[in-house]
N, C-alpha and C. Protein backbone atom coordinates (compact mmCIF):
# COMPACT_ATOMS: atom_id res chain seq x y z
N MET A 1 18.19 -10.87 -5.73
CA MET A 1 17.53 -9.50 -5.75
C MET A 1 17.00 -9.33 -6.90
N ALA A 2 15.50 -8.42 -6.97
CA ALA A 2 15.12 -7.93 -7.52
C ALA A 2 16.24 -6.91 -9.28
N SER A 3 15.15 -7.19 -10.10
CA SER A 3 15.80 -6.43 -10.96
C SER A 3 15.29 -4.96 -10.94
N ARG A 4 15.99 -4.27 -11.04
CA ARG A 4 15.94 -2.84 -11.21
C ARG A 4 14.22 -1.77 -11.24
N ARG A 5 14.09 -2.58 -12.79
CA ARG A 5 12.69 -2.96 -13.38
C ARG A 5 11.69 -2.68 -12.48
N HIS A 6 11.49 -3.84 -12.10
CA HIS A 6 10.98 -4.93 -10.31
C HIS A 6 10.84 -3.67 -9.38
N GLU A 7 11.98 -3.20 -9.16
CA GLU A 7 11.99 -2.13 -7.68
C GLU A 7 11.12 -1.24 -7.88
N ARG A 8 11.78 -0.70 -9.37
CA ARG A 8 10.91 0.65 -10.03
C ARG A 8 8.89 0.33 -9.86
N GLN A 9 8.90 -0.84 -10.48
CA GLN A 9 7.40 -0.98 -10.20
C GLN A 9 6.63 -0.93 -9.17
N ALA A 10 7.71 -1.36 -8.17
CA ALA A 10 7.11 -1.89 -6.79
C ALA A 10 6.88 -0.54 -5.83
N GLU A 11 8.26 0.23 -6.17
CA GLU A 11 7.75 1.60 -5.89
C GLU A 11 7.03 2.46 -6.55
N THR A 12 6.47 2.35 -7.29
CA THR A 12 5.66 2.81 -7.60
C THR A 12 4.43 3.01 -7.48
N ARG A 13 4.00 1.25 -7.08
CA ARG A 13 2.86 0.74 -6.68
C ARG A 13 2.55 1.51 -5.34
N LEU A 14 3.91 1.50 -4.32
CA LEU A 14 3.16 2.25 -3.78
C LEU A 14 3.33 3.11 -3.01
N GLN A 15 3.57 4.19 -3.97
CA GLN A 15 3.90 5.32 -4.16
C GLN A 15 1.82 5.81 -4.27
N VAL A 16 1.22 5.24 -5.14
CA VAL A 16 0.42 5.20 -5.29
C VAL A 16 -0.77 4.68 -4.52
N MET A 17 -0.24 3.99 -3.50
CA MET A 17 -1.14 3.02 -2.45
C MET A 17 -1.14 3.85 -1.79
N ARG A 18 -0.05 4.91 -1.50
CA ARG A 18 -0.16 5.50 -0.55
C ARG A 18 -0.23 6.82 -0.64
N LEU A 19 -1.00 7.49 -1.83
CA LEU A 19 -1.57 8.50 -2.56
C LEU A 19 -3.40 8.15 -2.17
N ILE A 20 -3.70 6.35 -2.67
CA ILE A 20 -5.12 6.24 -2.56
C ILE A 20 -5.20 6.33 -0.79
N ALA A 21 -4.58 5.99 -0.03
CA ALA A 21 -4.45 5.65 1.35
C ALA A 21 -4.74 6.99 2.39
N GLN A 22 -3.85 7.96 1.63
CA GLN A 22 -4.09 9.81 2.89
C GLN A 22 -5.45 10.09 1.63
N ASN A 23 -5.97 10.22 0.46
CA ASN A 23 -7.04 11.03 -0.03
C ASN A 23 -7.72 10.09 -0.97
N PRO A 24 -8.28 9.06 -0.74
CA PRO A 24 -9.03 8.16 -1.47
C PRO A 24 -9.66 9.11 -3.31
N GLU A 25 -10.46 10.38 -2.71
CA GLU A 25 -10.95 11.02 -3.88
C GLU A 25 -10.00 11.73 -4.86
N MET A 26 -8.96 11.65 -4.89
CA MET A 26 -8.12 11.89 -5.90
C MET A 26 -7.78 11.64 -6.95
N SER A 27 -7.60 11.87 -7.90
CA SER A 27 -8.12 11.38 -9.26
C SER A 27 -6.72 10.84 -9.74
N THR A 28 -7.26 10.20 -10.96
CA THR A 28 -6.08 9.52 -11.09
C THR A 28 -5.10 10.34 -12.03
N ARG A 29 -5.60 11.82 -12.84
CA ARG A 29 -4.62 12.71 -13.16
C ARG A 29 -3.79 13.11 -11.94
N GLN A 30 -4.76 13.64 -10.67
CA GLN A 30 -4.05 14.24 -9.34
C GLN A 30 -2.87 13.16 -8.59
N ILE A 31 -3.27 11.84 -8.71
CA ILE A 31 -2.04 10.57 -8.75
C ILE A 31 -0.66 10.75 -9.44
N ALA A 32 -1.60 10.79 -11.00
CA ALA A 32 -0.09 10.83 -11.87
C ALA A 32 0.70 11.72 -11.82
N GLU A 33 0.17 12.92 -11.24
CA GLU A 33 1.09 14.27 -10.98
C GLU A 33 1.76 14.40 -9.58
N ARG A 34 0.81 13.44 -8.80
CA ARG A 34 2.28 13.55 -7.37
C ARG A 34 2.29 12.78 -7.29
N ALA A 35 2.62 11.39 -8.01
CA ALA A 35 3.56 10.61 -8.60
C ALA A 35 4.91 10.59 -8.77
N GLY A 36 3.98 11.69 -9.89
CA GLY A 36 5.25 11.98 -11.05
C GLY A 36 5.43 11.54 -11.96
N ILE A 37 5.00 10.47 -12.68
CA ILE A 37 4.25 9.21 -13.32
C ILE A 37 3.07 10.18 -14.57
N SER A 38 2.63 8.67 -15.81
CA SER A 38 2.30 9.93 -16.83
C SER A 38 0.85 9.51 -16.61
N ASN A 39 -0.14 9.83 -16.86
CA ASN A 39 -1.94 10.09 -16.35
C ASN A 39 -1.76 8.41 -17.12
N GLY A 40 -1.57 7.84 -18.30
CA GLY A 40 -1.63 6.13 -18.69
C GLY A 40 -1.00 5.83 -17.74
N SER A 41 0.13 6.13 -17.10
CA SER A 41 1.17 4.78 -15.89
C SER A 41 -0.20 4.52 -15.03
N ALA A 42 -0.26 5.91 -14.44
CA ALA A 42 -1.27 6.07 -13.21
C ALA A 42 -2.46 5.46 -13.95
N TYR A 43 -3.32 4.82 -14.75
CA TYR A 43 -4.65 4.33 -14.64
C TYR A 43 -4.24 3.42 -14.81
N TYR A 44 -2.97 2.96 -15.80
CA TYR A 44 -2.33 1.30 -16.03
C TYR A 44 -2.11 0.91 -14.44
N VAL A 45 -1.45 1.34 -13.10
CA VAL A 45 -1.19 0.86 -12.15
C VAL A 45 -2.04 0.90 -11.24
N LEU A 46 -3.48 1.52 -11.53
CA LEU A 46 -4.89 1.48 -10.86
C LEU A 46 -5.45 0.47 -11.58
N THR A 47 -5.77 0.41 -12.34
CA THR A 47 -6.85 -0.53 -13.38
C THR A 47 -6.21 -1.67 -13.01
N ALA A 48 -4.15 -1.46 -12.33
CA ALA A 48 -4.07 -3.21 -12.03
C ALA A 48 -4.33 -3.80 -10.35
N LEU A 49 -3.81 -2.53 -9.54
CA LEU A 49 -4.41 -2.63 -8.43
C LEU A 49 -5.85 -3.00 -8.10
N VAL A 50 -6.76 -2.59 -9.19
CA VAL A 50 -8.40 -3.39 -8.78
C VAL A 50 -8.63 -4.59 -9.37
N GLU A 51 -7.46 -5.32 -9.98
CA GLU A 51 -7.80 -6.55 -10.84
C GLU A 51 -7.35 -7.65 -10.13
N LYS A 52 -6.34 -7.03 -9.12
CA LYS A 52 -5.56 -7.74 -8.21
C LYS A 52 -6.77 -8.06 -6.90
N GLY A 53 -7.45 -6.83 -6.47
CA GLY A 53 -8.00 -6.88 -5.04
C GLY A 53 -7.59 -6.30 -4.34
N PHE A 54 -6.55 -5.24 -4.73
CA PHE A 54 -6.08 -4.11 -3.82
C PHE A 54 -6.67 -2.77 -3.70
N VAL A 55 -7.30 -2.82 -4.60
CA VAL A 55 -8.27 -0.97 -4.07
C VAL A 55 -9.30 -1.71 -5.32
N LYS A 56 -10.87 -1.30 -4.42
CA LYS A 56 -11.63 -0.69 -4.78
C LYS A 56 -12.43 0.18 -5.26
N LEU A 57 -13.19 0.24 -6.77
CA LEU A 57 -13.42 1.62 -6.98
C LEU A 57 -14.93 2.03 -6.49
N GLY A 58 -15.26 3.44 -5.65
CA GLY A 58 -17.22 3.89 -5.45
C GLY A 58 -16.73 4.71 -5.83
N ASN A 59 -17.79 5.02 -6.24
CA ASN A 59 -18.16 6.80 -6.45
C ASN A 59 -19.18 7.32 -5.30
N PHE A 60 -19.04 8.87 -5.48
CA PHE A 60 -19.57 8.94 -4.98
C PHE A 60 -21.22 9.87 -4.76
N ALA A 61 -22.11 9.07 -4.06
CA ALA A 61 -23.62 9.31 -3.81
C ALA A 61 -23.90 10.66 -4.40
N SER A 62 -23.58 11.77 -3.26
CA SER A 62 -23.55 12.75 -3.34
C SER A 62 -22.89 14.26 -4.19
N ASN A 63 -21.82 13.33 -5.11
CA ASN A 63 -21.15 14.18 -6.04
C ASN A 63 -21.77 14.49 -7.36
N PRO A 64 -22.55 15.95 -7.50
CA PRO A 64 -22.97 15.73 -9.14
C PRO A 64 -21.77 15.07 -9.92
N ARG A 65 -20.44 15.30 -9.80
CA ARG A 65 -20.10 15.01 -11.24
C ARG A 65 -19.92 13.08 -11.01
N LYS A 66 -20.85 12.75 -10.79
CA LYS A 66 -20.69 11.42 -11.12
C LYS A 66 -19.66 10.60 -11.56
N GLY A 67 -18.58 10.49 -12.75
CA GLY A 67 -17.95 10.13 -13.02
C GLY A 67 -17.10 10.00 -12.29
N GLN A 68 -16.64 10.70 -10.79
CA GLN A 68 -15.93 10.90 -10.27
C GLN A 68 -16.00 9.84 -8.97
N TYR A 69 -14.43 8.71 -8.89
CA TYR A 69 -14.51 7.61 -8.23
C TYR A 69 -13.82 8.13 -6.42
N ALA A 70 -13.77 7.25 -6.17
CA ALA A 70 -13.23 6.91 -4.61
C ALA A 70 -12.39 5.37 -4.72
N HIS A 71 -10.62 5.35 -4.69
CA HIS A 71 -10.03 4.28 -5.00
C HIS A 71 -9.89 4.18 -3.85
N LEU A 72 -10.08 3.16 -2.36
CA LEU A 72 -10.32 2.64 -1.98
C LEU A 72 -9.47 1.28 -1.29
N LEU A 73 -8.38 1.57 -0.31
CA LEU A 73 -7.72 -0.19 -0.06
C LEU A 73 -8.01 -0.52 0.78
N THR A 74 -8.77 -1.98 -0.05
CA THR A 74 -8.81 -3.38 0.16
C THR A 74 -8.47 -4.09 1.78
N PRO A 75 -8.70 -4.39 2.49
CA PRO A 75 -7.77 -5.07 3.43
C PRO A 75 -6.65 -6.40 3.02
N LYS A 76 -6.68 -6.63 2.01
CA LYS A 76 -6.20 -7.63 0.97
C LYS A 76 -5.17 -6.01 0.35
N GLY A 77 -5.34 -4.64 0.15
CA GLY A 77 -4.67 -3.73 -0.38
C GLY A 77 -3.83 -3.53 0.63
N ILE A 78 -4.59 -3.05 1.92
CA ILE A 78 -3.90 -2.56 2.77
C ILE A 78 -2.19 -3.58 3.30
N ARG A 79 -2.90 -4.78 3.50
CA ARG A 79 -1.62 -5.80 3.37
C ARG A 79 -0.74 -5.72 2.59
N GLU A 80 -0.66 -5.57 1.29
CA GLU A 80 -0.09 -5.52 0.03
C GLU A 80 1.22 -3.86 -0.07
N LYS A 81 0.44 -3.32 0.55
CA LYS A 81 1.31 -1.78 1.02
C LYS A 81 1.75 -1.74 2.26
N SER A 82 1.16 -2.98 3.08
CA SER A 82 2.70 -3.32 4.31
C SER A 82 3.75 -3.75 3.60
N LEU A 83 3.60 -4.66 2.94
CA LEU A 83 4.39 -5.60 2.49
C LEU A 83 5.18 -5.40 1.37
N LEU A 84 4.98 -4.66 1.18
CA LEU A 84 5.40 -2.95 -0.43
C LEU A 84 6.74 -2.22 0.48
N THR A 85 5.72 -1.80 1.65
CA THR A 85 6.31 -0.64 2.57
C THR A 85 7.82 -1.52 3.15
N HIS A 86 7.74 -2.47 3.67
CA HIS A 86 9.01 -3.64 4.71
C HIS A 86 10.20 -4.07 2.97
N SER A 87 9.42 -4.11 2.37
CA SER A 87 10.45 -4.09 1.37
C SER A 87 11.00 -2.83 0.87
N PHE A 88 10.09 -2.15 0.74
CA PHE A 88 11.17 -0.61 0.40
C PHE A 88 11.97 -0.41 1.35
N ILE A 89 12.13 -0.13 2.57
CA ILE A 89 12.58 -0.17 3.37
C ILE A 89 13.85 -0.77 3.30
N GLU A 90 13.76 -1.91 3.84
CA GLU A 90 14.67 -2.71 3.74
C GLU A 90 15.86 -2.88 2.41
N ARG A 91 15.26 -2.84 1.26
CA ARG A 91 16.29 -1.99 0.17
C ARG A 91 16.76 -0.43 0.18
N LYS A 92 16.06 0.12 0.83
CA LYS A 92 16.66 1.33 1.25
C LYS A 92 17.73 1.26 2.05
N ARG A 93 17.77 0.23 3.31
CA ARG A 93 18.90 0.48 4.38
C ARG A 93 19.84 -0.28 3.98
N GLU A 94 20.12 -1.27 2.63
CA GLU A 94 20.97 -1.86 2.01
C GLU A 94 21.82 -0.96 1.26
N GLU A 95 20.93 0.24 0.31
CA GLU A 95 21.24 1.17 -0.31
C GLU A 95 22.12 1.80 1.04
N PHE A 96 21.54 2.30 1.78
CA PHE A 96 22.55 2.68 2.56
C PHE A 96 23.84 2.51 3.50
N ALA A 97 23.97 1.28 3.54
CA ALA A 97 24.91 0.56 4.36
C ALA A 97 25.89 0.04 2.99
N ALA A 98 25.37 -0.10 1.78
CA ALA A 98 26.46 0.47 0.72
C ALA A 98 27.20 1.68 0.04
N LEU A 99 26.25 2.90 0.48
CA LEU A 99 26.59 4.15 0.27
C LEU A 99 27.63 4.77 1.65
N GLN A 100 27.31 4.22 2.59
CA GLN A 100 28.20 4.25 3.47
C GLN A 100 29.72 3.29 3.62
N ALA A 101 29.53 1.89 3.26
CA ALA A 101 30.47 1.65 2.66
C ALA A 101 31.56 2.11 1.57
N GLU A 102 31.10 2.78 0.81
CA GLU A 102 31.47 3.32 -0.28
C GLU A 102 31.92 4.47 0.33
N ILE A 103 31.67 5.24 0.85
CA ILE A 103 32.22 6.52 1.36
C ILE A 103 33.38 6.25 2.29
N GLU A 104 33.33 5.31 3.46
CA GLU A 104 34.34 4.52 4.76
C GLU A 104 35.69 4.58 3.34
N ALA A 105 35.58 3.47 2.28
CA ALA A 105 36.50 3.39 1.70
C ALA A 105 37.11 4.20 1.06
N LEU A 106 36.13 5.06 0.48
CA LEU A 106 37.20 6.41 -0.62
C LEU A 106 37.73 7.36 1.11
N GLU A 107 37.00 7.47 1.52
CA GLU A 107 38.06 8.35 3.04
C GLU A 107 39.32 7.81 3.69
N ARG A 108 39.24 6.28 3.06
CA ARG A 108 40.20 5.73 3.64
C ARG A 108 41.40 6.24 2.42
N GLU A 109 40.98 5.44 1.17
CA GLU A 109 41.86 6.00 0.00
C GLU A 109 42.37 7.78 0.25
N ALA A 110 41.83 7.94 0.39
CA ALA A 110 42.14 9.85 0.09
C ALA A 110 43.09 10.48 1.74
N GLY A 111 43.08 9.00 2.23
CA GLY A 111 43.80 9.24 3.78
C GLY A 111 42.45 10.66 4.22
N LEU A 112 41.62 10.14 4.47
CA LEU A 112 40.93 11.09 5.45
C LEU A 112 39.75 10.35 6.29
N ALA A 113 40.50 8.87 6.31
CA ALA A 113 39.69 7.70 7.74
C ALA A 113 39.74 8.60 9.16
N GLY A 114 38.61 8.48 9.54
CA GLY A 114 38.38 9.25 10.94
C GLY A 114 38.67 10.17 11.35
N GLU A 115 38.44 11.47 10.36
CA GLU A 115 38.62 12.90 10.21
C GLU A 115 36.93 13.35 9.39
N ALA A 116 36.25 14.36 9.82
CA ALA A 116 35.53 14.58 9.39
C ALA A 116 35.64 15.72 8.10
N ALA A 117 35.31 15.31 6.98
CA ALA A 117 35.53 15.68 5.14
C ALA A 117 35.69 17.08 5.08
N PRO A 118 35.69 18.28 5.12
CA PRO A 118 35.49 19.53 4.92
C PRO A 118 34.52 19.33 3.58
N PHE A 119 33.81 20.24 3.55
CA PHE A 119 32.49 20.29 2.70
C PHE A 119 33.74 21.57 1.27
N PRO A 120 33.37 21.05 -0.08
CA PRO A 120 34.15 21.17 -0.89
C PRO A 120 33.63 22.74 -0.59
N GLN A 121 34.66 23.71 -1.26
CA GLN A 121 34.27 25.45 -1.59
C GLN A 121 33.43 25.12 -2.66
N THR A 122 32.59 26.07 -3.18
CA THR A 122 31.86 25.84 -4.25
C THR A 122 32.12 27.05 -4.63
N GLY A 123 32.13 28.50 -4.34
CA GLY A 123 32.49 29.95 -4.93
C GLY A 123 33.69 30.03 -4.46
N PRO A 124 34.00 31.71 -4.71
CA PRO A 124 35.14 32.50 -4.78
C PRO A 124 34.66 32.49 -2.88
N LYS A 125 35.96 32.58 -2.02
CA LYS A 125 35.87 32.97 -0.53
C LYS A 125 35.86 34.04 -0.99
N GLU A 126 34.79 34.58 0.49
CA GLU A 126 34.02 35.45 0.73
C GLU A 126 35.65 36.28 1.50
N THR A 127 35.15 38.27 1.20
CA THR A 127 36.34 38.72 2.14
C THR A 127 35.56 39.90 3.36
N ALA A 128 36.22 40.00 4.01
CA ALA A 128 35.65 40.74 5.19
C ALA A 128 35.50 42.01 3.90
N ARG A 129 34.88 42.90 4.39
CA ARG A 129 34.76 44.73 4.04
C ARG A 129 34.62 45.25 5.25
N ASP A 130 35.35 46.29 5.16
CA ASP A 130 35.14 47.46 6.03
C ASP A 130 34.51 48.36 5.90
């Protein structure tokens, strides 16, 4: 099984690739904001994706801001995104199954097996007003 750090890195790469696929014109800053990572991390991930051949940079010929680039997934990048998505789904299914097993064990332990567990009260009970 991969380390937790490796899993987080793969999830970040997948998230960045999904953002690029949705909007190739998104800036590095926008990618960072949407992915919940720092600008430096977004730049690092994008640079790594370009170096690996998963993303290609292209600039907008008609854009007056010549420094703005489009991040385009290459065929190799589309394949990698697909593999990362598959791994992500499998990992989440495993986590889900483990959580279900833990919940069932806790329900048996608490004597709630086979019953629908009531939702805990979060505040004082409301009283009927006339």
